[in-house]
Amino acid sequence: MLTLTVLQRQNLKARAHALNPVVMIGNAGLTPSVLDEIRRALKSHELIKIRAGGERAEREVMLLEICETLDAAPVQHIGKILVVYQPQEDEPEKKPTKRKGKPLTKKQMGSSSR
């Protein structure tokens, strides 16, 4: 489980304020399929909100289990909303590929001798 500094947590809370929950945890609880959905959401968004049901103690356990299982950091737990952060791995930049087809004509490029 990742740990965050106070300043990092404050910045993430501010970023998460405008977000809507992307994953809902229902009566079945934290099932493997819900964990997979959370994993996918974190991979594409890095910072997500989760709406969870149940009692407060159950939600705290869910938050800790999510963070330990997915190697994420708990940011916030307010009411039924859980905020989770997982930094995205830096992917190597792709080199631009060459365009296939005919080269552009002078008319298509525009004349620069005006």
N, C-alpha and C. Protein backbone atom coordinates (compact mmCIF):
# COMPACT_ATOMS: atom_id res chain seq x y z
N MET A 1 0.85 -1.17 0.00
CA MET A 1 0.00 0.00 0.00
C MET A 1 0.90 1.24 0.00
N LEU A 2 0.57 2.19 -0.87
CA LEU A 2 1.34 3.42 -0.96
C LEU A 2 1.01 4.36 0.20
N THR A 3 1.97 5.16 0.57
CA THR A 3 1.72 6.18 1.58
C THR A 3 1.92 7.55 0.94
N LEU A 4 1.13 8.51 1.37
CA LEU A 4 1.19 9.86 0.82
C LEU A 4 1.54 10.84 1.92
N THR A 5 2.21 11.92 1.54
CA THR A 5 2.46 12.99 2.49
C THR A 5 1.18 13.80 2.65
N VAL A 6 1.15 14.65 3.64
CA VAL A 6 -0.04 15.47 3.89
C VAL A 6 -0.30 16.40 2.70
N LEU A 7 0.75 16.98 2.15
CA LEU A 7 0.59 17.90 1.02
C LEU A 7 0.08 17.16 -0.21
N GLN A 8 0.61 15.96 -0.48
CA GLN A 8 0.12 15.17 -1.61
C GLN A 8 -1.35 14.84 -1.42
N ARG A 9 -1.72 14.44 -0.22
CA ARG A 9 -3.12 14.09 0.06
C ARG A 9 -4.03 15.30 -0.14
N GLN A 10 -3.61 16.47 0.30
CA GLN A 10 -4.41 17.68 0.12
C GLN A 10 -4.60 17.99 -1.37
N ASN A 11 -3.54 17.88 -2.15
CA ASN A 11 -3.64 18.13 -3.59
C ASN A 11 -4.56 17.13 -4.27
N LEU A 12 -4.48 15.87 -3.87
CA LEU A 12 -5.34 14.85 -4.46
C LEU A 12 -6.80 15.05 -4.07
N LYS A 13 -7.04 15.48 -2.84
CA LYS A 13 -8.42 15.78 -2.41
C LYS A 13 -9.00 16.90 -3.26
N ALA A 14 -8.20 17.92 -3.52
CA ALA A 14 -8.66 19.04 -4.35
C ALA A 14 -8.97 18.57 -5.77
N ARG A 15 -8.11 17.70 -6.32
CA ARG A 15 -8.36 17.17 -7.68
C ARG A 15 -9.59 16.30 -7.72
N ALA A 16 -9.84 15.56 -6.64
CA ALA A 16 -10.96 14.60 -6.61
C ALA A 16 -12.30 15.27 -6.37
N HIS A 17 -12.28 16.51 -5.91
CA HIS A 17 -13.54 17.18 -5.56
C HIS A 17 -14.53 17.19 -6.72
N ALA A 18 -14.07 17.45 -7.92
CA ALA A 18 -14.96 17.57 -9.07
C ALA A 18 -15.30 16.23 -9.72
N LEU A 19 -14.70 15.16 -9.27
CA LEU A 19 -14.93 13.85 -9.89
C LEU A 19 -16.26 13.24 -9.44
N ASN A 20 -16.80 12.39 -10.30
CA ASN A 20 -17.97 11.59 -9.97
C ASN A 20 -17.52 10.17 -9.70
N PRO A 21 -18.25 9.42 -8.88
CA PRO A 21 -17.87 8.02 -8.63
C PRO A 21 -17.91 7.21 -9.93
N VAL A 22 -16.87 6.41 -10.17
CA VAL A 22 -16.82 5.60 -11.37
C VAL A 22 -17.11 4.13 -11.08
N VAL A 23 -17.02 3.73 -9.82
CA VAL A 23 -17.29 2.35 -9.43
C VAL A 23 -18.26 2.37 -8.25
N MET A 24 -19.24 1.47 -8.30
CA MET A 24 -20.20 1.35 -7.20
C MET A 24 -20.04 -0.03 -6.58
N ILE A 25 -19.96 -0.09 -5.27
CA ILE A 25 -19.88 -1.36 -4.56
C ILE A 25 -21.24 -1.59 -3.93
N GLY A 26 -21.91 -2.67 -4.37
CA GLY A 26 -23.27 -2.93 -3.93
C GLY A 26 -23.34 -3.85 -2.72
N ASN A 27 -24.48 -4.52 -2.60
CA ASN A 27 -24.74 -5.40 -1.46
C ASN A 27 -23.82 -6.61 -1.41
N ALA A 28 -23.32 -7.04 -2.58
CA ALA A 28 -22.44 -8.21 -2.62
C ALA A 28 -21.07 -7.91 -2.02
N GLY A 29 -20.75 -6.65 -1.87
CA GLY A 29 -19.47 -6.28 -1.27
C GLY A 29 -18.35 -6.22 -2.28
N LEU A 30 -17.16 -6.40 -1.81
CA LEU A 30 -15.96 -6.28 -2.63
C LEU A 30 -15.64 -7.63 -3.27
N THR A 31 -16.24 -7.88 -4.41
CA THR A 31 -16.04 -9.14 -5.14
C THR A 31 -14.83 -9.01 -6.06
N PRO A 32 -14.32 -10.12 -6.57
CA PRO A 32 -13.19 -10.04 -7.50
C PRO A 32 -13.51 -9.22 -8.76
N SER A 33 -14.75 -9.29 -9.22
CA SER A 33 -15.10 -8.51 -10.41
C SER A 33 -15.09 -7.01 -10.11
N VAL A 34 -15.49 -6.62 -8.91
CA VAL A 34 -15.45 -5.21 -8.52
C VAL A 34 -13.99 -4.76 -8.41
N LEU A 35 -13.13 -5.59 -7.85
CA LEU A 35 -11.70 -5.26 -7.78
C LEU A 35 -11.09 -5.09 -9.17
N ASP A 36 -11.49 -5.95 -10.11
CA ASP A 36 -11.00 -5.82 -11.48
C ASP A 36 -11.45 -4.50 -12.09
N GLU A 37 -12.69 -4.12 -11.84
CA GLU A 37 -13.21 -2.86 -12.37
C GLU A 37 -12.46 -1.67 -11.77
N ILE A 38 -12.17 -1.74 -10.48
CA ILE A 38 -11.41 -0.67 -9.83
C ILE A 38 -10.00 -0.62 -10.41
N ARG A 39 -9.40 -1.78 -10.65
CA ARG A 39 -8.05 -1.84 -11.23
C ARG A 39 -8.04 -1.16 -12.60
N ARG A 40 -9.06 -1.46 -13.44
CA ARG A 40 -9.14 -0.84 -14.76
C ARG A 40 -9.33 0.67 -14.67
N ALA A 41 -10.18 1.10 -13.74
CA ALA A 41 -10.43 2.53 -13.58
C ALA A 41 -9.18 3.26 -13.12
N LEU A 42 -8.44 2.67 -12.20
CA LEU A 42 -7.20 3.30 -11.73
C LEU A 42 -6.14 3.35 -12.83
N LYS A 43 -6.12 2.33 -13.66
CA LYS A 43 -5.14 2.30 -14.74
C LYS A 43 -5.39 3.42 -15.74
N SER A 44 -6.66 3.75 -15.97
CA SER A 44 -6.95 4.79 -16.95
C SER A 44 -7.11 6.18 -16.35
N HIS A 45 -7.46 6.28 -15.06
CA HIS A 45 -7.73 7.59 -14.48
C HIS A 45 -6.76 8.02 -13.37
N GLU A 46 -6.08 7.11 -12.74
CA GLU A 46 -5.10 7.40 -11.68
C GLU A 46 -5.74 7.80 -10.35
N LEU A 47 -6.80 8.60 -10.38
CA LEU A 47 -7.48 9.05 -9.16
C LEU A 47 -8.97 8.83 -9.38
N ILE A 48 -9.60 8.01 -8.51
CA ILE A 48 -11.01 7.71 -8.71
C ILE A 48 -11.79 7.82 -7.41
N LYS A 49 -13.11 7.98 -7.59
CA LYS A 49 -14.03 7.94 -6.47
C LYS A 49 -14.82 6.65 -6.58
N ILE A 50 -15.10 6.05 -5.43
CA ILE A 50 -15.86 4.81 -5.36
C ILE A 50 -17.02 5.03 -4.40
N ARG A 51 -18.23 4.66 -4.81
CA ARG A 51 -19.38 4.74 -3.91
C ARG A 51 -19.59 3.35 -3.32
N ALA A 52 -19.60 3.27 -2.00
CA ALA A 52 -19.72 1.99 -1.32
C ALA A 52 -20.90 2.02 -0.35
N GLY A 53 -21.56 0.90 -0.21
CA GLY A 53 -22.67 0.78 0.73
C GLY A 53 -22.19 0.16 2.03
N GLY A 54 -23.12 -0.10 2.92
CA GLY A 54 -22.78 -0.75 4.18
C GLY A 54 -22.46 0.25 5.28
N GLU A 55 -22.04 -0.30 6.41
CA GLU A 55 -21.69 0.53 7.57
C GLU A 55 -20.30 1.14 7.41
N ARG A 56 -20.02 2.14 8.22
CA ARG A 56 -18.75 2.85 8.14
C ARG A 56 -17.55 1.92 8.35
N ALA A 57 -17.64 1.05 9.32
CA ALA A 57 -16.54 0.13 9.59
C ALA A 57 -16.29 -0.80 8.39
N GLU A 58 -17.36 -1.24 7.75
CA GLU A 58 -17.23 -2.09 6.56
C GLU A 58 -16.55 -1.33 5.43
N ARG A 59 -16.91 -0.05 5.27
CA ARG A 59 -16.31 0.76 4.20
C ARG A 59 -14.83 0.99 4.47
N GLU A 60 -14.45 1.17 5.72
CA GLU A 60 -13.03 1.35 6.05
C GLU A 60 -12.23 0.09 5.72
N VAL A 61 -12.81 -1.07 6.03
CA VAL A 61 -12.16 -2.33 5.70
C VAL A 61 -12.03 -2.49 4.19
N MET A 62 -13.11 -2.12 3.45
CA MET A 62 -13.07 -2.19 1.98
C MET A 62 -11.96 -1.30 1.43
N LEU A 63 -11.86 -0.08 1.95
CA LEU A 63 -10.84 0.87 1.48
C LEU A 63 -9.44 0.31 1.70
N LEU A 64 -9.18 -0.23 2.88
CA LEU A 64 -7.87 -0.82 3.15
C LEU A 64 -7.59 -2.03 2.27
N GLU A 65 -8.60 -2.86 2.06
CA GLU A 65 -8.42 -4.05 1.22
C GLU A 65 -8.14 -3.65 -0.23
N ILE A 66 -8.87 -2.65 -0.74
CA ILE A 66 -8.64 -2.17 -2.11
C ILE A 66 -7.21 -1.67 -2.24
N CYS A 67 -6.78 -0.86 -1.31
CA CYS A 67 -5.45 -0.27 -1.39
C CYS A 67 -4.34 -1.30 -1.25
N GLU A 68 -4.51 -2.27 -0.38
CA GLU A 68 -3.49 -3.31 -0.22
C GLU A 68 -3.45 -4.23 -1.43
N THR A 69 -4.61 -4.59 -1.96
CA THR A 69 -4.67 -5.51 -3.10
C THR A 69 -4.10 -4.88 -4.36
N LEU A 70 -4.43 -3.61 -4.60
CA LEU A 70 -4.06 -2.95 -5.85
C LEU A 70 -2.82 -2.07 -5.73
N ASP A 71 -2.17 -2.07 -4.57
CA ASP A 71 -1.00 -1.23 -4.31
C ASP A 71 -1.32 0.23 -4.62
N ALA A 72 -2.39 0.72 -4.01
CA ALA A 72 -2.84 2.09 -4.19
C ALA A 72 -2.79 2.81 -2.85
N ALA A 73 -3.13 4.09 -2.87
CA ALA A 73 -3.11 4.89 -1.65
C ALA A 73 -4.50 5.40 -1.33
N PRO A 74 -4.94 5.25 -0.08
CA PRO A 74 -6.22 5.83 0.30
C PRO A 74 -6.06 7.34 0.45
N VAL A 75 -6.95 8.09 -0.18
CA VAL A 75 -6.88 9.55 -0.12
C VAL A 75 -7.90 10.10 0.86
N GLN A 76 -9.13 9.60 0.74
CA GLN A 76 -10.20 10.18 1.55
C GLN A 76 -11.35 9.19 1.70
N HIS A 77 -12.05 9.29 2.83
CA HIS A 77 -13.26 8.50 3.08
C HIS A 77 -14.26 9.42 3.75
N ILE A 78 -15.20 9.90 2.95
CA ILE A 78 -16.24 10.79 3.48
C ILE A 78 -17.58 10.15 3.17
N GLY A 79 -18.33 9.85 4.20
CA GLY A 79 -19.64 9.22 4.00
C GLY A 79 -19.49 7.91 3.26
N LYS A 80 -20.21 7.79 2.16
CA LYS A 80 -20.16 6.55 1.38
C LYS A 80 -19.20 6.66 0.19
N ILE A 81 -18.41 7.71 0.15
CA ILE A 81 -17.49 7.93 -0.96
C ILE A 81 -16.05 7.64 -0.51
N LEU A 82 -15.38 6.81 -1.30
CA LEU A 82 -13.96 6.48 -1.06
C LEU A 82 -13.16 7.06 -2.22
N VAL A 83 -12.04 7.68 -1.93
CA VAL A 83 -11.17 8.22 -2.97
C VAL A 83 -9.86 7.45 -2.90
N VAL A 84 -9.45 6.91 -4.07
CA VAL A 84 -8.26 6.06 -4.14
C VAL A 84 -7.35 6.60 -5.24
N TYR A 85 -6.04 6.56 -4.98
CA TYR A 85 -5.03 7.05 -5.92
C TYR A 85 -4.00 5.97 -6.19
N GLN A 86 -3.68 5.82 -7.48
CA GLN A 86 -2.59 4.93 -7.87
C GLN A 86 -1.84 5.61 -9.00
N PRO A 87 -0.58 6.00 -8.78
CA PRO A 87 0.14 6.70 -9.85
C PRO A 87 0.30 5.81 -11.07
N GLN A 88 0.15 6.41 -12.23
CA GLN A 88 0.29 5.66 -13.47
C GLN A 88 1.76 5.46 -13.77
N GLU A 89 2.05 4.31 -14.32
CA GLU A 89 3.43 4.01 -14.67
C GLU A 89 3.77 4.79 -15.93
N ASP A 90 4.96 5.37 -15.95
CA ASP A 90 5.38 6.13 -17.12
C ASP A 90 5.65 5.17 -18.27
N GLU A 91 4.94 5.39 -19.37
CA GLU A 91 5.15 4.56 -20.55
C GLU A 91 6.16 5.27 -21.44
N PRO A 92 7.03 4.51 -22.09
CA PRO A 92 7.99 5.15 -22.98
C PRO A 92 7.24 5.83 -24.13
N GLU A 93 7.74 7.02 -24.50
CA GLU A 93 7.07 7.76 -25.56
C GLU A 93 7.26 7.04 -26.88
N LYS A 94 6.20 7.03 -27.67
CA LYS A 94 6.26 6.38 -28.98
C LYS A 94 6.81 7.36 -29.99
N LYS A 95 7.64 6.85 -30.88
CA LYS A 95 8.17 7.69 -31.93
C LYS A 95 7.08 7.89 -32.98
N PRO A 96 7.01 9.06 -33.55
CA PRO A 96 5.99 9.26 -34.58
C PRO A 96 6.28 8.37 -35.78
N THR A 97 5.23 7.81 -36.30
CA THR A 97 5.38 6.92 -37.45
C THR A 97 5.29 7.72 -38.73
N LYS A 98 5.93 7.23 -39.75
CA LYS A 98 5.89 7.90 -41.04
C LYS A 98 4.52 7.71 -41.66
N ARG A 99 4.07 8.75 -42.34
CA ARG A 99 2.79 8.67 -43.03
C ARG A 99 2.96 7.82 -44.27
N LYS A 100 2.00 6.99 -44.50
CA LYS A 100 2.01 6.16 -45.69
C LYS A 100 1.24 6.90 -46.78
N GLY A 101 1.59 6.66 -47.99
CA GLY A 101 0.87 7.28 -49.10
C GLY A 101 1.75 8.29 -49.81
N LYS A 102 1.09 9.07 -50.65
CA LYS A 102 1.80 10.04 -51.48
C LYS A 102 2.24 11.24 -50.65
N PRO A 103 3.36 11.84 -51.04
CA PRO A 103 3.76 13.07 -50.36
C PRO A 103 2.82 14.21 -50.76
N LEU A 104 2.75 15.24 -49.94
CA LEU A 104 1.89 16.37 -50.22
C LEU A 104 2.42 17.18 -51.39
N THR A 105 1.49 17.72 -52.17
CA THR A 105 1.89 18.57 -53.28
C THR A 105 2.17 19.97 -52.76
N LYS A 106 2.74 20.83 -53.65
CA LYS A 106 3.01 22.22 -53.25
C LYS A 106 1.73 22.95 -52.91
N LYS A 107 0.68 22.65 -53.65
CA LYS A 107 -0.60 23.30 -53.41
C LYS A 107 -1.16 22.91 -52.04
N GLN A 108 -1.02 21.63 -51.67
CA GLN A 108 -1.52 21.15 -50.39
C GLN A 108 -0.71 21.73 -49.22
N MET A 109 0.60 21.90 -49.42
CA MET A 109 1.44 22.45 -48.37
C MET A 109 1.30 23.95 -48.28
N GLY A 110 0.88 24.58 -49.36
CA GLY A 110 0.80 26.04 -49.37
C GLY A 110 2.14 26.62 -49.78
N SER A 111 2.08 27.70 -50.48
CA SER A 111 3.36 28.27 -50.92
C SER A 111 3.92 29.18 -49.85
N SER A 112 5.18 29.05 -49.58
CA SER A 112 5.82 29.87 -48.55
C SER A 112 6.64 30.99 -49.16
N SER A 113 6.59 31.12 -50.52
CA SER A 113 7.42 32.14 -51.16
C SER A 113 6.67 33.43 -51.40
N ARG A 114 5.52 33.62 -50.80
CA ARG A 114 4.74 34.85 -51.00
C ARG A 114 5.34 36.03 -50.35
